[in-house]
Amino acid sequence: MKDARADSEIVAAGRGNDCQLHLPDPRVLLRHAEFTLRSDDIYLEPSPGSDVRLNGALTQMSKVAAGDKIRVGPYELILEAPTPEARLVMSVELVQPLGDDLQSFIGRSKTQVGAVGLSMRAWSWALALLVAVLTFGVPWVLSLFTEPPPVAILLNTREQRAPAAPTELWTSGGISSAHKFFGDSCEACHQTPFVPVQDGVCLSCHNGVQHHADPNLFPFASFADDSCQSCHKEHQGNRTVALSNQSFCADCHANLPDQAPDSTLRPASDFGDNHPDFRPTVVTDSALQIASRERAMSDTPPPVEDSSLDFPHDKHLRSGGVKHPDRGNVQLGCADCHEIEAGGSYMLPLSFDRHCHQCHALKFDTFLADRELLHGRPEDMFKQVTDVYGAVAMRGGYEEPEAPALIRRRPGTQLTPEEKKEALDWAGAKANTIINGRFGRGLCDGCHQLFESPASAGQTGAGWGVEPVTAVNRWFPKAKFSHGSHRDVECGTCHEARLSTASSDVIMPGIKTCQACHGGESAQDRVPSTCIFCHGFHDSDLPPMREPQKAAAHEEYWLRSTLMAFRSQP
């Protein structure tokens, strides 16, 4: 009789050593079945091809309770009533022992090495010598008779790829996808046999790799004494050469306030259990283009943005649709304005011409139906309107009933100097009415913040201006995110745009939204996500981590590595 305890929401039963319920019998599969806790119920799920019986009958997915008898191979499991300390309690009994047949068979199957003529030591030396000849001697001899490929074989010429060398057997593992273009030219990196790759070789190509943190502010994070291969491991197969294990980052960032008290970064060691909420970069002063990253999404009050735009998402995404000037009511969705860039990661910037103009045409005069206000600098629009009505006054034929007869005259009619002055006076007054009316200032005020500007008043001004629009294109510039990888997730799952009533709302998800699907490195029920999953290591705003060596010293090496030059013949 032996008691055992397991702390897990999933209890695996089988012969494998990783099973919480270990059943060491050859008639049991490595992972025969699983007990899963779902809400307050326990479910039994047999593995494919396994024989599991519940109360004497074969079963697949079943809910079990106290008193049920389960047969797993030769074992009988009886579920007992749960206790305050354990939700799943069971007794296990071997009801069909194997007997002595198995042990007898194993005994008859043993063969002694000495029975075939040589001692174990002699066999060991013979096999070691054979392995040395086949793996070292034969490839080396063959390499002496193998012609190296011409130096002129270019790396980017796929059809002229060099054949595998006989010594390829010695490689310690597959080459990463980033370095596959070296082909079989080991000398491109391994300049000295049996000596690890030196930093100078790496810098021949990677001469602009930046620091991880400002070495003047964080000297402990300079990595000045570490070689490139301390963090970048090659020959691991078709995968990145950068370290991705969580502990590599957590060793410092878990207790960062102790090492760098002046840093604004907060401690983080595991995305699922110990990670601060997201702090978006928001514009706090659009006119001065000042941005801030002080508030987190869960703070009270939450972060707000001052982009100088007035755009209520809820009115554009209402269930009844919005009025289109040509198509009646249309139902807008996120994808009508927000487009993913070609790389699939981020969103393309919005623009008036591509996303707003089809519904918000800037027409300002029903008698000039083909004319629209220029969208951009207000002073350009002021001059445009003044020029338009000046041209109308000189041409004539304007059909507005309230306009003077002089302006409604037949086009081409000659004007006296006095009539020209009268027409231009009307044009100036008309332009001022449009600019400061509902079809000028009113149209701009519908989406933009305006300010009074007496200095702009005059022949082509109106005494007011438009606050410059400053929109954030990357809310989280220190993180990586791919919308393409989340294309199957509805936009509203992460962005509650339909509830947003003001442009100042930051419609970005908090960390709990991401934690619903992503966990830390050891997560079992969510996508395991390490630090490098979302964050880069080298900061592009910092100077190079290693000073590149002089180009002249590497000119010969660079030629060989670029053109796939192999070892020279004796």
Protein backbone atom coordinates (compact mmCIF):
# COMPACT_ATOMS: atom_id res chain seq x y z
CA MET A 1 0.00 0.00 0.00
CA LYS A 2 1.53 3.34 -1.07
CA ASP A 3 -0.07 6.78 -1.09
CA ALA A 4 0.78 9.34 -3.78
CA ARG A 5 -0.33 12.92 -4.39
CA ALA A 6 -0.29 15.05 -7.56
CA ASP A 7 -1.08 18.77 -7.84
CA SER A 8 -2.44 19.29 -11.36
CA GLU A 9 -5.69 20.03 -13.20
CA ILE A 10 -4.87 17.16 -15.59
CA VAL A 11 -3.88 13.73 -14.20
CA ALA A 12 -2.37 11.40 -16.82
CA ALA A 13 -2.44 7.64 -16.25
CA GLY A 14 0.04 5.45 -18.09
CA ARG A 15 3.38 3.70 -18.20
CA GLY A 16 5.39 6.83 -19.02
CA ASN A 17 7.53 8.44 -16.36
CA ASP A 18 5.84 11.80 -16.95
CA CYS A 19 2.41 10.46 -15.90
CA GLN A 20 1.10 11.56 -12.53
CA LEU A 21 -0.55 8.12 -12.12
CA HIS A 22 2.33 5.76 -12.98
CA LEU A 23 1.18 2.23 -13.97
CA PRO A 24 4.39 0.22 -14.68
CA ASP A 25 3.02 -2.63 -16.74
CA PRO A 26 3.88 -3.41 -20.41
CA ARG A 27 0.17 -3.87 -21.13
CA VAL A 28 -0.43 -0.17 -20.37
CA LEU A 29 0.31 2.54 -22.97
CA LEU A 30 2.82 5.26 -22.22
CA ARG A 31 -0.13 7.65 -21.85
CA HIS A 32 -3.22 5.51 -21.53
CA ALA A 33 -5.84 8.00 -20.30
CA GLU A 34 -6.32 11.43 -18.72
CA PHE A 35 -8.51 12.71 -15.90
CA THR A 36 -9.45 16.37 -16.43
CA LEU A 37 -11.07 18.78 -13.97
CA ARG A 38 -13.61 20.99 -15.78
CA SER A 39 -15.54 23.36 -13.53
CA ASP A 40 -16.71 21.06 -10.74
CA ASP A 41 -16.79 17.84 -12.77
CA ILE A 42 -14.14 15.23 -13.56
CA TYR A 43 -13.90 13.78 -17.06
CA LEU A 44 -12.13 10.62 -18.22
CA GLU A 45 -10.61 10.74 -21.72
CA PRO A 46 -8.87 7.57 -23.06
CA SER A 47 -5.96 8.04 -25.48
CA PRO A 48 -6.52 6.95 -29.11
CA GLY A 49 -6.22 3.17 -29.44
CA SER A 50 -6.36 2.49 -25.69
CA ASP A 51 -8.72 0.08 -23.96
CA VAL A 52 -10.48 1.76 -21.04
CA ARG A 53 -13.61 0.39 -19.40
CA LEU A 54 -15.95 2.34 -17.16
CA ASN A 55 -18.04 0.10 -14.88
CA GLY A 56 -17.40 -2.84 -17.23
CA ALA A 57 -18.20 -1.08 -20.54
CA LEU A 58 -15.81 0.39 -23.10
CA THR A 59 -15.84 4.18 -22.95
CA GLN A 60 -14.54 7.20 -24.77
CA MET A 61 -15.03 10.67 -23.23
CA SER A 62 -17.04 10.23 -20.01
CA LYS A 63 -17.86 12.12 -16.84
CA VAL A 64 -16.95 10.10 -13.76
CA ALA A 65 -17.87 10.34 -10.11
CA ALA A 66 -17.22 8.66 -6.77
CA GLY A 67 -17.98 4.93 -6.85
CA ASP A 68 -17.09 4.41 -10.52
CA LYS A 69 -14.77 1.52 -11.36
CA ILE A 70 -12.34 2.06 -14.22
CA ARG A 71 -10.23 -0.64 -15.89
CA VAL A 72 -6.91 0.55 -17.35
CA GLY A 73 -5.14 -2.54 -18.70
CA PRO A 74 -4.57 -4.91 -15.76
CA TYR A 75 -5.31 -2.18 -13.18
CA GLU A 76 -8.63 -1.36 -11.53
CA LEU A 77 -9.16 2.26 -10.42
CA ILE A 78 -11.96 2.96 -7.94
CA LEU A 79 -12.99 6.61 -7.52
CA GLU A 80 -13.61 7.64 -3.95
CA ALA A 81 -15.35 10.65 -2.46
CA PRO A 82 -13.35 13.88 -2.77
CA THR A 83 -11.83 15.49 0.29
CA PRO A 84 -11.24 19.16 1.11
CA GLU A 85 -7.59 18.69 0.10
CA ALA A 86 -8.14 16.64 -3.09
CA ARG A 87 -10.78 16.84 -5.78
CA LEU A 88 -9.85 13.48 -7.35
CA VAL A 89 -9.26 10.53 -4.99
CA MET A 90 -8.85 6.97 -6.21
CA SER A 91 -7.48 3.61 -5.17
CA VAL A 92 -5.42 1.57 -7.64
CA GLU A 93 -5.10 -2.22 -7.63
CA LEU A 94 -3.28 -4.61 -9.98
CA VAL A 95 -5.96 -7.25 -10.56
CA GLN A 96 -4.29 -9.21 -13.39
CA PRO A 97 -0.60 -9.83 -12.61
CA LEU A 98 1.67 -10.92 -15.45
CA GLY A 99 2.99 -13.96 -13.62
CA ASP A 100 6.47 -15.49 -14.18
CA ASP A 101 6.26 -15.89 -17.98
CA LEU A 102 7.71 -12.46 -18.72
CA GLN A 103 10.69 -12.83 -16.41
CA SER A 104 11.37 -16.28 -17.85
CA PHE A 105 11.31 -14.92 -21.37
CA ILE A 106 13.68 -12.06 -20.45
CA GLY A 107 16.09 -14.51 -18.87
CA ARG A 108 16.19 -16.74 -21.95
CA SER A 109 16.77 -13.72 -24.22
CA LYS A 110 20.03 -12.51 -22.62
CA THR A 111 23.18 -13.08 -24.65
CA GLN A 112 26.65 -12.81 -23.13
CA VAL A 113 29.29 -10.93 -25.17
CA GLY A 114 31.93 -13.46 -24.21
CA ALA A 115 29.94 -16.23 -25.84
CA VAL A 116 30.88 -15.00 -29.36
CA GLY A 117 34.65 -15.45 -29.02
CA LEU A 118 36.02 -12.06 -27.80
CA SER A 119 36.04 -10.37 -24.42
CA MET A 120 33.98 -7.24 -23.82
CA ARG A 121 37.15 -5.08 -23.76
CA ALA A 122 38.26 -6.44 -27.14
CA TRP A 123 34.84 -5.78 -28.66
CA SER A 124 34.88 -2.23 -27.25
CA TRP A 125 38.26 -1.40 -28.81
CA ALA A 126 37.29 -2.95 -32.14
CA LEU A 127 34.04 -1.01 -32.38
CA ALA A 128 35.72 2.25 -31.29
CA LEU A 129 38.35 1.83 -34.00
CA LEU A 130 35.67 1.09 -36.61
CA VAL A 131 33.71 4.22 -35.65
CA ALA A 132 36.87 6.36 -35.84
CA VAL A 133 37.73 5.05 -39.31
CA LEU A 134 34.21 5.52 -40.70
CA THR A 135 33.48 8.94 -39.21
CA PHE A 136 36.91 10.59 -39.31
CA GLY A 137 39.32 8.68 -41.53
CA VAL A 138 37.07 8.00 -44.53
CA PRO A 139 35.64 11.55 -44.84
CA TRP A 140 39.11 13.05 -44.49
CA VAL A 141 40.60 10.78 -47.20
CA LEU A 142 37.67 11.49 -49.53
CA SER A 143 38.08 15.23 -49.00
CA LEU A 144 41.65 14.98 -50.38
CA PHE A 145 40.27 13.81 -53.73
CA THR A 146 37.29 16.20 -53.84
CA GLU A 147 37.71 19.28 -56.02
CA PRO A 148 36.57 22.46 -54.25
CA PRO A 149 33.94 24.49 -56.13
CA PRO A 150 35.12 27.56 -58.06
CA VAL A 151 35.37 30.75 -56.07
CA ALA A 152 33.06 32.44 -58.61
CA ILE A 153 30.01 30.50 -57.41
CA LEU A 154 27.81 33.25 -56.05
CA LEU A 155 25.68 32.69 -52.98
CA ASN A 156 22.54 34.08 -54.58
CA THR A 157 22.73 31.71 -57.58
CA ARG A 158 20.54 28.85 -56.53
CA GLU A 159 21.24 26.67 -59.56
CA GLN A 160 25.02 26.66 -58.85
CA ARG A 161 24.79 25.59 -55.23
CA ALA A 162 27.92 23.72 -54.14
CA PRO A 163 27.68 19.95 -53.57
CA ALA A 164 27.97 18.61 -50.03
CA ALA A 165 31.52 18.03 -48.84
CA PRO A 166 32.53 14.56 -47.48
CA THR A 167 33.32 16.17 -44.13
CA GLU A 168 29.70 17.31 -43.74
CA LEU A 169 29.33 14.27 -41.49
CA TRP A 170 31.26 16.15 -38.82
CA THR A 171 28.75 18.97 -38.46
CA SER A 172 27.23 19.29 -34.99
CA GLY A 173 23.75 20.13 -36.28
CA GLY A 174 21.72 21.82 -38.98
CA ILE A 175 22.45 25.42 -39.95
CA SER A 176 19.90 28.10 -39.13
CA SER A 177 17.77 29.60 -41.87
CA ALA A 178 19.61 32.93 -41.58
CA HIS A 179 23.00 31.33 -42.36
CA LYS A 180 22.02 28.71 -44.93
CA PHE A 181 23.38 30.86 -47.76
CA PHE A 182 26.90 29.94 -46.61
CA GLY A 183 26.21 26.48 -48.00
CA ASP A 184 28.87 24.00 -46.87
CA SER A 185 31.62 26.60 -46.47
CA CYS A 186 32.53 25.89 -42.85
CA GLU A 187 35.52 28.20 -43.16
CA ALA A 188 33.21 31.17 -43.57
CA CYS A 189 32.73 31.13 -39.80
CA HIS A 190 35.21 28.55 -38.44
CA GLN A 191 38.47 30.17 -39.50
CA THR A 192 40.59 28.12 -37.08
CA PRO A 193 39.87 24.38 -36.67
CA PHE A 194 38.56 23.33 -33.25
CA VAL A 195 38.37 26.97 -32.10
CA PRO A 196 34.94 28.55 -31.39
CA VAL A 197 33.75 31.24 -33.77
CA GLN A 198 35.27 34.60 -32.81
CA ASP A 199 33.38 37.89 -32.53
CA GLY A 200 35.39 39.41 -35.36
CA VAL A 201 33.91 36.91 -37.79
CA CYS A 202 30.39 37.83 -36.73
CA LEU A 203 31.15 41.55 -37.02
CA SER A 204 32.24 41.11 -40.62
CA CYS A 205 28.54 40.90 -41.48
CA HIS A 206 26.76 42.14 -38.35
CA ASN A 207 28.62 45.37 -37.78
CA GLY A 208 25.64 47.46 -36.68
CA VAL A 209 24.19 45.43 -33.82
CA GLN A 210 23.12 47.89 -31.11
CA HIS A 211 23.33 47.74 -27.34
CA HIS A 212 20.54 46.23 -25.31
CA ALA A 213 20.45 49.21 -22.93
CA ASP A 214 22.35 52.47 -22.57
CA PRO A 215 25.70 51.31 -21.13
CA ASN A 216 26.19 54.67 -19.42
CA LEU A 217 22.94 54.33 -17.48
CA PHE A 218 22.86 50.55 -17.11
CA PRO A 219 26.45 49.25 -17.11
CA PHE A 220 25.33 45.84 -15.86
CA ALA A 221 23.36 45.39 -19.10
CA SER A 222 26.16 46.27 -21.53
CA PHE A 223 27.17 42.62 -22.25
CA ALA A 224 30.61 43.98 -23.10
CA ASP A 225 32.38 40.93 -21.69
CA ASP A 226 30.17 38.37 -23.42
CA SER A 227 30.91 36.93 -26.84
CA CYS A 228 28.34 36.84 -29.62
CA GLN A 229 27.88 33.10 -29.30
CA SER A 230 26.98 33.48 -25.63
CA CYS A 231 23.53 34.48 -26.79
CA HIS A 232 23.41 33.28 -30.40
CA LYS A 233 23.66 29.52 -30.81
CA GLU A 234 24.23 28.05 -34.27
CA HIS A 235 23.80 24.45 -35.44
CA GLN A 236 20.42 24.14 -33.72
CA GLY A 237 18.57 23.40 -36.94
CA ASN A 238 16.22 25.55 -38.99
CA ARG A 239 15.44 28.04 -36.22
CA THR A 240 16.59 31.43 -34.99
CA VAL A 241 20.06 31.70 -33.52
CA ALA A 242 18.87 34.07 -30.76
CA LEU A 243 18.17 32.77 -27.27
CA SER A 244 14.46 32.54 -26.57
CA ASN A 245 14.35 31.04 -23.10
CA GLN A 246 12.51 33.17 -20.58
CA SER A 247 15.12 32.99 -17.82
CA PHE A 248 17.65 34.82 -20.00
CA CYS A 249 15.57 38.00 -19.63
CA ALA A 250 14.03 37.30 -16.23
CA ASP A 251 17.42 37.01 -14.53
CA CYS A 252 17.65 40.82 -14.67
CA HIS A 253 14.11 42.04 -15.24
CA ALA A 254 12.55 40.09 -12.36
CA ASN A 255 14.33 42.33 -9.84
CA LEU A 256 15.16 45.31 -12.07
CA PRO A 257 14.19 47.97 -9.46
CA ASP A 258 16.91 46.62 -7.17
CA GLN A 259 19.58 46.88 -9.89
CA ALA A 260 18.35 50.12 -11.47
CA PRO A 261 16.25 52.14 -8.99
CA ASP A 262 16.01 55.11 -11.37
CA SER A 263 14.57 53.08 -14.23
CA THR A 264 10.91 53.57 -15.15
CA LEU A 265 10.66 49.93 -16.21
CA ARG A 266 8.69 47.70 -13.90
CA PRO A 267 9.68 44.15 -12.91
CA ALA A 268 8.63 41.28 -15.16
CA SER A 269 9.53 37.60 -15.17
CA ASP A 270 6.60 35.68 -16.68
CA PHE A 271 3.91 36.91 -19.05
CA GLY A 272 1.22 34.82 -17.40
CA ASP A 273 2.06 35.47 -13.75
CA ASN A 274 4.36 38.46 -13.36
CA HIS A 275 4.14 41.11 -16.06
CA PRO A 276 3.00 44.75 -15.72
CA ASP A 277 0.01 46.03 -17.65
CA PHE A 278 0.61 47.72 -20.99
CA ARG A 279 1.47 51.42 -21.08
CA PRO A 280 0.60 52.83 -24.52
CA THR A 281 2.36 55.79 -26.07
CA VAL A 282 -0.27 58.54 -26.37
CA VAL A 283 -0.14 62.12 -27.63
CA THR A 284 -0.75 64.53 -24.74
CA ASP A 285 -0.25 67.76 -26.71
CA SER A 286 -0.97 67.63 -30.40
CA ALA A 287 0.22 71.17 -31.11
CA LEU A 288 3.64 70.58 -29.54
CA GLN A 289 3.72 66.90 -30.58
CA ILE A 290 4.38 65.72 -27.03
CA ALA A 291 3.80 62.05 -26.25
CA SER A 292 3.64 60.24 -22.91
CA ARG A 293 3.83 56.64 -21.71
CA GLU A 294 3.02 57.13 -18.04
CA ARG A 295 -0.39 55.49 -17.62
CA ALA A 296 -1.23 51.82 -17.99
CA MET A 297 -4.45 50.54 -19.55
CA SER A 298 -5.76 49.45 -16.14
CA ASP A 299 -4.96 52.75 -14.38
CA THR A 300 -7.68 55.06 -13.07
CA PRO A 301 -8.14 57.29 -14.93
CA PRO A 302 -6.96 55.40 -18.03
CA PRO A 303 -4.62 56.95 -20.60
CA VAL A 304 -6.21 59.48 -22.95
CA GLU A 305 -4.96 60.89 -26.23
CA ASP A 306 -5.09 64.41 -27.63
CA SER A 307 -4.76 63.97 -31.39
CA SER A 308 -6.86 67.14 -32.08
CA LEU A 309 -9.32 64.97 -34.03
CA ASP A 310 -12.99 64.50 -33.21
CA PHE A 311 -13.91 60.99 -34.31
CA PRO A 312 -16.53 58.99 -32.36
CA HIS A 313 -16.14 55.30 -33.22
CA ASP A 314 -19.58 54.40 -31.84
CA LYS A 315 -21.39 56.61 -34.37
CA HIS A 316 -19.50 55.10 -37.30
CA LEU A 317 -20.00 51.50 -36.14
CA ARG A 318 -23.64 51.65 -35.03
CA SER A 319 -25.78 48.66 -35.89
CA GLY A 320 -28.18 50.68 -38.06
CA GLY A 321 -25.39 51.77 -40.37
CA VAL A 322 -24.31 55.26 -41.44
CA LYS A 323 -25.58 57.40 -44.28
CA HIS A 324 -23.53 57.29 -47.47
CA PRO A 325 -24.03 60.14 -49.99
CA ASP A 326 -24.55 57.71 -52.90
CA ARG A 327 -25.37 54.25 -51.47
CA GLY A 328 -27.79 55.08 -48.70
CA ASN A 329 -27.18 53.40 -45.35
CA VAL A 330 -24.00 51.31 -45.21
CA GLN A 331 -22.72 49.11 -42.42
CA LEU A 332 -19.11 49.98 -41.63
CA GLY A 333 -16.61 47.60 -40.09
CA CYS A 334 -13.09 48.00 -38.77
CA ALA A 335 -11.53 46.79 -42.03
CA ASP A 336 -13.20 49.62 -43.99
CA CYS A 337 -10.66 52.04 -42.53
CA HIS A 338 -7.95 50.00 -40.83
CA GLU A 339 -5.78 48.09 -43.32
CA ILE A 340 -2.97 45.71 -42.42
CA GLU A 341 0.39 46.52 -44.00
CA ALA A 342 1.93 44.11 -46.49
CA GLY A 343 4.08 42.48 -43.82
CA GLY A 344 1.00 41.55 -41.80
CA SER A 345 2.18 43.17 -38.56
CA TYR A 346 0.94 46.71 -38.15
CA MET A 347 -1.80 48.94 -39.55
CA LEU A 348 -1.29 51.41 -42.37
CA PRO A 349 -1.71 55.10 -41.48
CA LEU A 350 -5.15 56.58 -42.09
CA SER A 351 -5.68 59.40 -44.56
CA PHE A 352 -8.60 61.65 -45.44
CA ASP A 353 -8.50 60.91 -49.18
CA ARG A 354 -8.52 57.11 -48.80
CA HIS A 355 -10.75 56.61 -45.80
CA CYS A 356 -12.93 59.68 -45.15
CA HIS A 357 -13.53 61.42 -48.44
CA GLN A 358 -16.07 58.99 -49.89
CA CYS A 359 -18.54 59.91 -47.12
CA HIS A 360 -17.27 63.36 -46.12
CA ALA A 361 -16.91 65.28 -49.38
CA LEU A 362 -15.84 68.89 -48.80
CA LYS A 363 -18.26 70.56 -51.21
CA PHE A 364 -18.94 74.16 -50.25
CA ASP A 365 -21.27 75.57 -52.94
CA THR A 366 -24.24 73.84 -54.60
CA PHE A 367 -23.77 76.10 -57.67
CA LEU A 368 -20.14 74.92 -57.98
CA ALA A 369 -20.82 71.20 -57.66
CA ASP A 370 -17.43 70.13 -59.00
CA ARG A 371 -15.51 72.17 -56.44
CA GLU A 372 -14.29 70.85 -53.04
CA LEU A 373 -12.24 72.45 -50.30
CA LEU A 374 -8.58 71.53 -50.23
CA HIS A 375 -7.88 69.23 -47.28
CA GLY A 376 -4.60 70.13 -45.64
CA ARG A 377 -3.29 73.51 -44.60
CA PRO A 378 -6.07 76.02 -43.79
CA GLU A 379 -4.21 78.88 -45.47
CA ASP A 380 -4.24 76.92 -48.73
CA MET A 381 -7.99 76.45 -48.40
CA PHE A 382 -8.51 80.17 -47.67
CA LYS A 383 -6.63 81.13 -50.81
CA GLN A 384 -8.43 78.48 -52.86
CA VAL A 385 -11.90 79.78 -51.94
CA THR A 386 -10.86 83.40 -52.56
CA ASP A 387 -9.41 82.48 -55.96
CA VAL A 388 -12.49 80.45 -56.92
CA TYR A 389 -14.94 83.30 -56.29
CA GLY A 390 -12.58 85.81 -57.87
CA ALA A 391 -12.60 83.69 -61.04
CA VAL A 392 -16.41 83.33 -60.82
CA ALA A 393 -16.82 87.09 -60.54
CA MET A 394 -14.62 87.74 -63.58
CA ARG A 395 -16.24 84.99 -65.67
CA GLY A 396 -19.90 85.55 -64.82
CA GLY A 397 -22.66 83.00 -65.26
CA TYR A 398 -22.98 82.25 -61.49
CA GLU A 399 -26.53 80.96 -61.00
CA GLU A 400 -27.15 81.73 -57.32
CA PRO A 401 -30.40 83.78 -57.25
CA GLU A 402 -29.16 86.04 -54.41
CA ALA A 403 -26.03 87.01 -56.36
CA PRO A 404 -25.96 90.47 -58.02
CA ALA A 405 -26.95 90.64 -61.66
CA LEU A 406 -23.39 91.61 -62.46
CA ILE A 407 -22.21 88.18 -61.22
CA ARG A 408 -25.09 86.33 -62.95
CA ARG A 409 -24.39 87.99 -66.29
CA ARG A 410 -23.75 86.01 -69.46
CA PRO A 411 -20.19 84.61 -69.46
CA GLY A 412 -17.82 86.55 -71.69
CA THR A 413 -19.46 89.92 -71.13
CA GLN A 414 -16.85 92.68 -70.92
CA LEU A 415 -16.63 94.64 -67.65
CA THR A 416 -15.74 98.24 -67.09
CA PRO A 417 -13.10 99.03 -64.44
CA GLU A 418 -15.86 100.06 -62.03
CA GLU A 419 -17.73 96.80 -62.64
CA LYS A 420 -14.56 94.76 -62.12
CA LYS A 421 -14.03 96.42 -58.71
CA GLU A 422 -17.65 95.74 -57.78
CA ALA A 423 -17.37 92.10 -58.87
CA LEU A 424 -14.15 91.56 -56.93
CA ASP A 425 -15.68 93.17 -53.81
CA TRP A 426 -18.55 90.67 -54.06
CA ALA A 427 -16.03 87.80 -54.53
CA GLY A 428 -14.16 88.79 -51.35
CA ALA A 429 -17.36 89.04 -49.34
CA LYS A 430 -18.65 85.72 -50.71
CA ALA A 431 -15.33 83.95 -49.98
CA ASN A 432 -15.36 85.31 -46.41
CA THR A 433 -18.95 84.08 -45.94
CA ILE A 434 -18.04 80.57 -47.14
CA ILE A 435 -14.79 80.38 -45.16
CA ASN A 436 -16.41 81.40 -41.88
CA GLY A 437 -19.75 79.69 -42.48
CA ARG A 438 -21.07 76.17 -42.16
CA PHE A 439 -19.37 75.03 -45.39
CA GLY A 440 -15.95 76.32 -44.40
CA ARG A 441 -15.24 76.65 -40.71
CA GLY A 442 -18.24 74.42 -39.99
CA LEU A 443 -16.89 71.55 -42.08
CA CYS A 444 -13.46 71.76 -40.45
CA ASP A 445 -14.93 72.03 -36.96
CA GLY A 446 -16.81 68.77 -37.47
CA CYS A 447 -13.60 66.74 -37.21
CA HIS A 448 -10.82 69.08 -36.07
CA GLN A 449 -10.02 71.34 -33.13
CA LEU A 450 -9.88 74.98 -34.24
CA PHE A 451 -8.11 77.96 -32.72
CA GLU A 452 -8.42 81.69 -33.21
CA SER A 453 -5.56 83.20 -35.21
CA PRO A 454 -5.95 86.97 -35.80
CA ALA A 455 -2.61 87.03 -37.61
CA SER A 456 -4.07 84.87 -40.39
CA ALA A 457 -6.89 87.30 -41.13
CA GLY A 458 -6.54 89.25 -44.36
CA GLN A 459 -7.09 88.79 -48.05
CA THR A 460 -6.59 84.99 -47.96
CA GLY A 461 -7.17 84.32 -44.25
CA ALA A 462 -10.08 84.12 -41.88
CA GLY A 463 -8.65 84.67 -38.41
CA TRP A 464 -8.79 81.00 -37.39
CA GLY A 465 -6.74 77.88 -37.90
CA VAL A 466 -6.75 74.12 -37.40
CA GLU A 467 -4.77 72.35 -34.69
CA PRO A 468 -2.25 69.99 -36.32
CA VAL A 469 -3.21 66.33 -36.17
CA THR A 470 -0.68 64.15 -34.37
CA ALA A 471 -1.70 60.50 -34.40
CA VAL A 472 0.22 57.60 -32.90
CA ASN A 473 1.07 54.94 -35.45
CA ARG A 474 2.66 52.55 -32.93
CA TRP A 475 0.91 52.46 -29.55
CA PHE A 476 3.47 50.00 -28.16
CA PRO A 477 6.77 50.84 -29.92
CA LYS A 478 8.79 48.53 -27.67
CA ALA A 479 6.70 45.46 -28.49
CA LYS A 480 6.20 43.28 -31.57
CA PHE A 481 2.74 42.26 -32.71
CA SER A 482 1.40 40.61 -35.85
CA HIS A 483 -2.18 41.24 -36.91
CA GLY A 484 -1.66 38.60 -39.58
CA SER A 485 -1.18 35.93 -36.91
CA HIS A 486 -4.46 37.03 -35.30
CA ARG A 487 -6.49 37.30 -38.50
CA ASP A 488 -9.00 34.72 -37.21
CA VAL A 489 -9.82 36.85 -34.15
CA GLU A 490 -12.64 39.38 -34.50
CA CYS A 491 -11.38 42.95 -34.06
CA GLY A 492 -13.83 43.67 -31.24
CA THR A 493 -12.30 40.89 -29.15
CA CYS A 494 -9.32 43.14 -28.43
CA HIS A 495 -10.53 46.62 -29.44
CA GLU A 496 -13.85 47.77 -27.93
CA ALA A 497 -14.36 50.42 -30.59
CA ARG A 498 -18.17 50.19 -30.58
CA LEU A 499 -18.19 51.52 -27.01
CA SER A 500 -15.87 54.44 -27.72
CA THR A 501 -17.59 57.83 -27.80
CA ALA A 502 -14.58 60.13 -28.08
CA SER A 503 -11.29 60.37 -29.96
CA SER A 504 -9.48 60.63 -26.64
CA ASP A 505 -10.30 56.98 -25.89
CA VAL A 506 -7.30 54.66 -26.23
CA ILE A 507 -8.95 51.60 -27.79
CA MET A 508 -6.16 49.17 -27.04
CA PRO A 509 -6.33 45.93 -25.07
CA GLY A 510 -4.94 45.57 -21.58
CA ILE A 511 -2.72 42.70 -20.57
CA LYS A 512 -5.64 40.57 -19.33
CA THR A 513 -7.01 40.43 -22.87
CA CYS A 514 -3.74 38.94 -24.13
CA GLN A 515 -3.39 36.66 -21.11
CA ALA A 516 -6.66 34.99 -22.06
CA CYS A 517 -4.75 33.22 -24.85
CA HIS A 518 -1.06 33.69 -23.97
CA GLY A 519 0.80 32.47 -20.90
CA GLY A 520 4.39 32.25 -19.77
CA GLU A 521 7.04 29.87 -21.05
CA SER A 522 5.70 26.91 -19.06
CA ALA A 523 2.00 27.51 -19.77
CA GLN A 524 0.02 24.33 -20.50
CA ASP A 525 -3.47 25.71 -21.16
CA ARG A 526 -2.44 28.77 -23.21
CA VAL A 527 0.08 29.67 -25.90
CA PRO A 528 3.54 29.55 -24.27
CA SER A 529 5.06 33.00 -24.84
CA THR A 530 8.55 34.00 -23.77
CA CYS A 531 9.90 37.55 -23.55
CA ILE A 532 11.47 37.44 -27.02
CA PHE A 533 8.02 36.52 -28.37
CA CYS A 534 6.96 40.18 -28.13
CA HIS A 535 10.13 42.14 -27.37
CA GLY A 536 13.34 42.69 -29.27
CA PHE A 537 16.71 42.63 -27.56
CA HIS A 538 18.90 45.15 -29.38
CA ASP A 539 17.70 48.77 -29.18
CA SER A 540 17.86 50.48 -32.57
CA ASP A 541 18.19 53.90 -30.88
CA LEU A 542 21.54 52.99 -29.29
CA PRO A 543 25.08 52.84 -30.76
CA PRO A 544 26.68 49.53 -31.85
CA MET A 545 27.37 47.01 -29.12
CA ARG A 546 30.71 46.00 -30.69
CA GLU A 547 33.00 48.33 -32.59
CA PRO A 548 33.35 46.91 -36.14
CA GLN A 549 36.86 45.95 -37.12
CA LYS A 550 38.64 47.72 -39.95
CA ALA A 551 37.34 46.76 -43.35
CA ALA A 552 40.84 46.26 -44.76
CA ALA A 553 41.63 43.57 -42.22
CA HIS A 554 38.61 41.55 -43.35
CA GLU A 555 38.64 42.23 -47.08
CA GLU A 556 40.15 38.83 -47.96
CA TYR A 557 37.82 36.96 -45.59
CA TRP A 558 34.78 38.84 -46.87
CA LEU A 559 35.62 37.85 -50.46
CA ARG A 560 35.89 34.18 -49.47
CA SER A 561 32.70 34.12 -47.42
CA THR A 562 30.67 36.05 -49.98
CA LEU A 563 31.75 33.92 -52.93
CA MET A 564 31.69 30.61 -51.01
CA ALA A 565 35.42 30.05 -51.27
CA PHE A 566 36.45 26.73 -49.75
CA ARG A 567 39.81 25.66 -48.42
CA SER A 568 42.65 26.00 -50.95
CA GLN A 569 44.24 22.89 -52.40
CA PRO A 570 47.78 21.86 -51.25
